[in-house]
Amino acid sequence: MEKQLYRVIIEQDESGWFTAECPALPGCISQGATRTDALTNIQDAIQGYLDSLRQHNEPIPPPITEELVEVAF
């Protein structure tokens, strides 16, 4: 089985819950009471998303790469 790294964005909402989103997989969003829970849940969501794509013979989107750019302000 091939392994791939996907970028995940985690934000804490106003109620204190953490929302996790995988931009490379549209609609792949999860949440958790803690940052760790959100990471675990998004990992499960990503796995389910990719499993569904495979079952339907759909292409697997590549991960989005990013760079950090330093700026002075």
N, C-alpha and C. Protein backbone atom coordinates (compact mmCIF):
# COMPACT_ATOMS: atom_id res chain seq x y z
N MET A 1 0.85 -1.18 0.00
CA MET A 1 0.00 0.00 0.00
C MET A 1 0.89 1.24 0.00
N GLU A 2 0.59 2.16 -0.87
CA GLU A 2 1.34 3.40 -1.00
C GLU A 2 0.99 4.36 0.14
N LYS A 3 1.98 5.12 0.59
CA LYS A 3 1.75 6.12 1.64
C LYS A 3 1.95 7.51 1.05
N GLN A 4 1.19 8.45 1.56
CA GLN A 4 1.24 9.83 1.08
C GLN A 4 1.05 10.77 2.27
N LEU A 5 1.70 11.91 2.23
CA LEU A 5 1.52 12.93 3.27
C LEU A 5 0.57 14.00 2.73
N TYR A 6 -0.45 14.34 3.50
CA TYR A 6 -1.39 15.39 3.14
C TYR A 6 -1.32 16.51 4.16
N ARG A 7 -1.37 17.73 3.67
CA ARG A 7 -1.36 18.90 4.54
C ARG A 7 -2.74 19.03 5.19
N VAL A 8 -2.74 19.35 6.48
CA VAL A 8 -3.98 19.52 7.24
C VAL A 8 -3.90 20.87 7.94
N ILE A 9 -5.00 21.61 7.87
CA ILE A 9 -5.09 22.90 8.56
C ILE A 9 -5.99 22.70 9.78
N ILE A 10 -5.51 23.13 10.94
CA ILE A 10 -6.28 22.98 12.18
C ILE A 10 -6.51 24.37 12.77
N GLU A 11 -7.77 24.63 13.09
CA GLU A 11 -8.13 25.91 13.72
C GLU A 11 -9.04 25.63 14.90
N GLN A 12 -8.88 26.44 15.93
CA GLN A 12 -9.76 26.32 17.09
C GLN A 12 -10.90 27.31 16.91
N ASP A 13 -12.14 26.82 17.10
CA ASP A 13 -13.29 27.72 16.92
C ASP A 13 -13.62 28.44 18.22
N GLU A 14 -14.63 29.30 18.16
CA GLU A 14 -14.98 30.13 19.32
C GLU A 14 -15.50 29.32 20.51
N SER A 15 -15.96 28.10 20.27
CA SER A 15 -16.44 27.26 21.37
C SER A 15 -15.33 26.41 21.99
N GLY A 16 -14.12 26.48 21.40
CA GLY A 16 -12.99 25.73 21.93
C GLY A 16 -12.69 24.43 21.20
N TRP A 17 -13.58 24.01 20.30
CA TRP A 17 -13.35 22.79 19.51
C TRP A 17 -12.35 23.07 18.41
N PHE A 18 -11.67 22.02 17.96
CA PHE A 18 -10.69 22.13 16.90
C PHE A 18 -11.27 21.54 15.61
N THR A 19 -11.15 22.31 14.53
CA THR A 19 -11.61 21.86 13.22
C THR A 19 -10.38 21.57 12.37
N ALA A 20 -10.38 20.44 11.69
CA ALA A 20 -9.26 20.04 10.83
C ALA A 20 -9.79 19.86 9.41
N GLU A 21 -9.03 20.38 8.45
CA GLU A 21 -9.42 20.31 7.04
C GLU A 21 -8.23 19.90 6.20
N CYS A 22 -8.48 19.09 5.18
CA CYS A 22 -7.45 18.68 4.24
C CYS A 22 -7.75 19.36 2.90
N PRO A 23 -7.06 20.47 2.58
CA PRO A 23 -7.36 21.23 1.36
C PRO A 23 -7.23 20.44 0.06
N ALA A 24 -6.38 19.44 0.01
CA ALA A 24 -6.21 18.65 -1.21
C ALA A 24 -7.41 17.76 -1.52
N LEU A 25 -8.24 17.53 -0.50
CA LEU A 25 -9.41 16.65 -0.64
C LEU A 25 -10.66 17.47 -0.32
N PRO A 26 -11.28 18.07 -1.32
CA PRO A 26 -12.42 18.96 -1.09
C PRO A 26 -13.52 18.31 -0.23
N GLY A 27 -13.92 19.04 0.81
CA GLY A 27 -14.97 18.56 1.70
C GLY A 27 -14.49 17.64 2.79
N CYS A 28 -13.21 17.35 2.85
CA CYS A 28 -12.66 16.46 3.87
C CYS A 28 -12.34 17.29 5.12
N ILE A 29 -13.30 17.31 6.04
CA ILE A 29 -13.22 18.13 7.24
C ILE A 29 -13.63 17.28 8.43
N SER A 30 -12.99 17.50 9.57
CA SER A 30 -13.36 16.81 10.79
C SER A 30 -13.14 17.75 11.96
N GLN A 31 -13.42 17.27 13.16
CA GLN A 31 -13.22 18.10 14.34
C GLN A 31 -12.92 17.23 15.55
N GLY A 32 -12.58 17.88 16.64
CA GLY A 32 -12.33 17.17 17.88
C GLY A 32 -12.29 18.13 19.05
N ALA A 33 -12.48 17.61 20.23
CA ALA A 33 -12.46 18.43 21.44
C ALA A 33 -11.06 18.94 21.74
N THR A 34 -10.04 18.19 21.29
CA THR A 34 -8.65 18.60 21.47
C THR A 34 -7.97 18.58 20.11
N ARG A 35 -6.80 19.18 20.05
CA ARG A 35 -6.01 19.17 18.80
C ARG A 35 -5.68 17.72 18.41
N THR A 36 -5.32 16.91 19.38
CA THR A 36 -4.99 15.51 19.13
C THR A 36 -6.20 14.76 18.59
N ASP A 37 -7.37 15.00 19.18
CA ASP A 37 -8.60 14.37 18.68
C ASP A 37 -8.88 14.78 17.24
N ALA A 38 -8.71 16.06 16.95
CA ALA A 38 -8.96 16.56 15.59
C ALA A 38 -8.01 15.90 14.60
N LEU A 39 -6.73 15.76 14.97
CA LEU A 39 -5.76 15.11 14.09
C LEU A 39 -6.11 13.64 13.85
N THR A 40 -6.50 12.94 14.90
CA THR A 40 -6.89 11.54 14.76
C THR A 40 -8.12 11.42 13.87
N ASN A 41 -9.09 12.31 14.09
CA ASN A 41 -10.33 12.26 13.32
C ASN A 41 -10.12 12.62 11.85
N ILE A 42 -9.26 13.60 11.57
CA ILE A 42 -9.03 13.95 10.16
C ILE A 42 -8.24 12.85 9.46
N GLN A 43 -7.36 12.18 10.18
CA GLN A 43 -6.64 11.06 9.59
C GLN A 43 -7.63 9.96 9.18
N ASP A 44 -8.59 9.67 10.04
CA ASP A 44 -9.63 8.69 9.70
C ASP A 44 -10.47 9.17 8.51
N ALA A 45 -10.80 10.47 8.49
CA ALA A 45 -11.60 11.03 7.40
C ALA A 45 -10.84 10.95 6.08
N ILE A 46 -9.55 11.26 6.11
CA ILE A 46 -8.73 11.18 4.89
C ILE A 46 -8.68 9.74 4.39
N GLN A 47 -8.48 8.80 5.30
CA GLN A 47 -8.44 7.38 4.91
C GLN A 47 -9.75 6.96 4.27
N GLY A 48 -10.86 7.35 4.86
CA GLY A 48 -12.17 7.02 4.31
C GLY A 48 -12.40 7.66 2.95
N TYR A 49 -11.96 8.91 2.80
CA TYR A 49 -12.08 9.63 1.53
C TYR A 49 -11.31 8.90 0.43
N LEU A 50 -10.06 8.55 0.73
CA LEU A 50 -9.22 7.86 -0.25
C LEU A 50 -9.76 6.46 -0.57
N ASP A 51 -10.26 5.76 0.44
CA ASP A 51 -10.85 4.44 0.22
C ASP A 51 -12.05 4.55 -0.72
N SER A 52 -12.88 5.57 -0.53
CA SER A 52 -14.04 5.78 -1.39
C SER A 52 -13.62 6.07 -2.83
N LEU A 53 -12.59 6.90 -2.98
CA LEU A 53 -12.10 7.19 -4.34
C LEU A 53 -11.63 5.91 -5.02
N ARG A 54 -10.89 5.09 -4.29
CA ARG A 54 -10.40 3.83 -4.86
C ARG A 54 -11.56 2.90 -5.26
N GLN A 55 -12.55 2.80 -4.40
CA GLN A 55 -13.69 1.92 -4.67
C GLN A 55 -14.46 2.35 -5.92
N HIS A 56 -14.43 3.66 -6.20
CA HIS A 56 -15.16 4.19 -7.35
C HIS A 56 -14.24 4.45 -8.55
N ASN A 57 -13.01 3.92 -8.47
CA ASN A 57 -12.03 4.08 -9.55
C ASN A 57 -11.81 5.54 -9.93
N GLU A 58 -11.82 6.41 -8.93
CA GLU A 58 -11.56 7.84 -9.13
C GLU A 58 -10.07 8.10 -8.88
N PRO A 59 -9.51 9.12 -9.51
CA PRO A 59 -8.09 9.42 -9.28
C PRO A 59 -7.86 9.95 -7.87
N ILE A 60 -6.70 9.62 -7.33
CA ILE A 60 -6.30 10.11 -6.00
C ILE A 60 -5.60 11.46 -6.19
N PRO A 61 -6.15 12.54 -5.61
CA PRO A 61 -5.50 13.84 -5.76
C PRO A 61 -4.12 13.85 -5.10
N PRO A 62 -3.17 14.52 -5.72
CA PRO A 62 -1.86 14.64 -5.09
C PRO A 62 -1.95 15.61 -3.92
N PRO A 63 -1.04 15.48 -2.97
CA PRO A 63 -1.04 16.43 -1.86
C PRO A 63 -0.63 17.82 -2.36
N ILE A 64 -1.07 18.83 -1.65
CA ILE A 64 -0.68 20.20 -1.94
C ILE A 64 0.64 20.47 -1.22
N THR A 65 1.60 20.98 -1.94
CA THR A 65 2.87 21.33 -1.30
C THR A 65 2.84 22.80 -0.95
N GLU A 66 3.63 23.18 0.01
CA GLU A 66 3.67 24.58 0.41
C GLU A 66 5.08 24.96 0.82
N GLU A 67 5.32 26.22 0.83
CA GLU A 67 6.59 26.76 1.29
C GLU A 67 6.30 27.84 2.33
N LEU A 68 7.18 28.02 3.25
CA LEU A 68 7.09 29.12 4.21
C LEU A 68 7.96 30.26 3.68
N VAL A 69 7.41 31.46 3.69
CA VAL A 69 8.12 32.63 3.21
C VAL A 69 8.24 33.60 4.36
N GLU A 70 9.46 34.04 4.63
CA GLU A 70 9.69 34.98 5.72
C GLU A 70 9.61 36.40 5.21
N VAL A 71 8.87 37.24 5.91
CA VAL A 71 8.76 38.65 5.53
C VAL A 71 8.97 39.49 6.79
N ALA A 72 9.51 40.69 6.58
CA ALA A 72 9.72 41.62 7.69
C ALA A 72 8.52 42.55 7.78
N PHE A 73 8.15 42.90 8.99
CA PHE A 73 7.06 43.87 9.14
C PHE A 73 7.34 44.76 10.32
